Amino acid sequence: MGNSHQSLFSPDFHILYGTRQASRESSAGTYFGPMRMPSMKYQRGEMVMGRWPGSSLYYEVKVLGYDAKSQLYTVIYKDGTELELKEQDIKNAAGFQTRSRSRSRSRSPGRRRSRSRSPARTTRRSSSRTAAAVAAAAITESAPSSRRDIKLKDTVEVRLSPLQQTKAAENNSNSKHEKKEEKQKEENNTANRVNESDSKVEADPEKNQGRYNLRRRKDDGDAKPAEARPEQLEQKDAKLAAAPAASLSTPLDFGGKMGAYFWLLFLPAWVLFLLLQVNLEDPSLTNFPPPLPPLEAFWDAQALGLVILWVLFQAVLYILPVGKLSEGMPLRSGERLKYRTNGFFAIMVSSVAVAAAVHQGVDLTYIHSHFLQLAMASLLISILLSVYLYVRSHYAPPGQLALGGNSGNVVYDFFKGHELNPRIKNFDLKFFCEMRPGLIGWCLINFAMALAEMKQQGLDAPSYSMILVNLFQLLYVVDGLWNEEAILTTMDLMHDGFGFMLAFGDLVWVPFTYTLQAYYLVSHPNPLSLPALAAIVTLKLIGFYIFRKSNSEKNAFRRNPLDPRLSYLKTIPTATGKSLLVSGWWGVVRHPNYLGDLIMALAWSLPCGFNHLLPWYYMIYFIILLIHRDSRDMSECRRKYGSAWDEYCRTVRYRIIPRVY
């Protein structure tokens, strides 16, 4: 999960790397004879242009068959992927003009491109255009196909050419470029030959899968000389790719529009139930429901002031020019936002400030005695923040909206988040809330619970159980802040808008439900023997190692799959041009980071003993969440990657727990 607390309110992010497409597997390798059917517009064996499902990209395909009952054509792409397409998603090859004009006015007629250009040929600027094409595919994944199909016939041309060049290759001199083209002309004599990709994926040439270009025909008339700067080309293509973003959205999550109403009411009510239940002398479920306190018990002005002061303190630490400026993943426009990743500095300064406050006589046990009021104050702030975010999103450019929160329904978009990266100048609100007030506040609350246990139980030092819970969860948070840059590759930062779902999760859910074990131990001590203590520590270290190692592999692979340091990792190429990891920890199970997280969650709960179910809430909730998310991930990835995903599942058989699940 990267940093697990983020993904608890967002779709799963896996090592899978690419734009959202759907695919459906059909009978592989089947070829039918020349028998004609009256209802078939396109005949078996005919070469046509087929739209890749979920995108606006058209590729050359061969018709394999037609099912009169479902009215679907079975086609095969050049990379070997077989899909079933509707008739409206297929176009005659004659409707797509191929490129005939030269790139440079200085090019001799003998060097001009032929209309029968082989797909194996590459161009000097293919890299920048391919990047724009991938961005275009990502933002058009859910647009109505009928409207896009009409536009595509007149406004775009499709060229199939595997991406073979790196940025360094694009900057070579014209002489080197011309020599490369002469070499490529020899390769055009072999129809089925495909160049070896830079990622060095060893595959049969017929199965080698490349990235494809989408290029607007009007660019031909305005073609610039070959010496044009790549940066200018990237900016131009990025603007073209971002144009249709305004009217696009993705399928609705969390039960759709009705689900948004449910979660808006259920999540605050569930947190309230947990806080009231854990505060009972006997928090057994037989005492459900817990009695409601008077209304005045929910509100405390001082608690609200302390929460606001804490958030402002973390904001000041965030904007200090300390730490690294990290680049996020490319947005749909191709832009990379910069983030101040100084979270480790922030938690260190916060620790010193808390220690100084305790030394000056500040009573941190106030947090325990006013836990409910602090939670309600945080809930109020999260609601006000969500309202502000939704209102300001209506003034954001269309390209800055989150596809997942662009449904047009007010309640759903308010819940899911309408704007992707809301910022006040360079202050990124989503990134700040994800990593600072709630996450560091989690550690502060745990420390306050240790002091409250000493005060209430008359101890000179916290119990072993309390020490373990504090140290385990502190290690988890410090690790996340030390590797803060890794969150920039997560689903929350890349795709989810910032609305009530994340605001509530960051400011309320994380600090006030993840601290239940420490809160429980204040009034329900659980002595541990030394062997039990050693066993729990060992379990925690094993889980932490798996969690950190697998996340490091995933983050490095997402950022740069061609990194030489990752050359030992084995992959399965997909039709999207991306690859699936099948070695390292990702070759043991499909979600090794979930496995590490579950082991650590077990280590967090064991110090609380088995007298009550409530301290095990996090473990139970986490198991249900991960199973549901794994199921959703399986369905989504099968649509994206088709037969490549089936091959991946055959290679990596187990989902989370080896030989069990």
Foldseek 3Di string as FASTA:
>chain_A
DLQPLQCLLHFADFLFFAAFFFFAADDAPAADDQDDDPVDPDTAQDWWWFAGALFLATAIWGFRDADPVVQWTWIAGQLRGIGTHHPLRIGGPVLAFADFFAQAPPDDPVPTDDRVDAQQDDALLQVLQLVLRRLLSRLRRAPDPVVSSVVCSQWKHWGRHFDADDPVSSPDDPVVRVVVVVVVVVVRVDRQAHDQHLLRADDDSSNDAGGTGMGTPVCSVVRDHSVDDSVVVNQVSLVVSLVVNQQFADDAPCVPPVSLVVCVPPVVVVLVQLVQLLPDLDSFCVCPPRDDDDPPLQADPVLLVVLVVLLVLLLVVQPPPDADWDWFDQASSRDTATGGQPLLVSLVVVVVVVVVCVVVPDQLLVCLVSVNNNLSSLVVVLQVVLVVQLVVLVVDPSSQFFNNLNPPDSSSNQQFAGGQFDDDVNRTPLLSLQQTSQLSLLLSSLVSLQVLLCVQVVHPGGALLSVQLNVLSVVSNSVCSVVVSLCSPTCNNHHTHDHSSSSCSSRRVRNSQSCSLSSSCSSQPDHDDPVRSVVLVVLLVVLVVQQVVVSVLSSVCNVPVSPPVCSVWHWQAFNNNTTHTCDDSCVAAVCSNLLSVLSSLVSSQPSRPDPHCSSCVVNVVSVVSVVVSLVVVLNSVCGRGPVSVVVSCVRRVHHYDGPPD
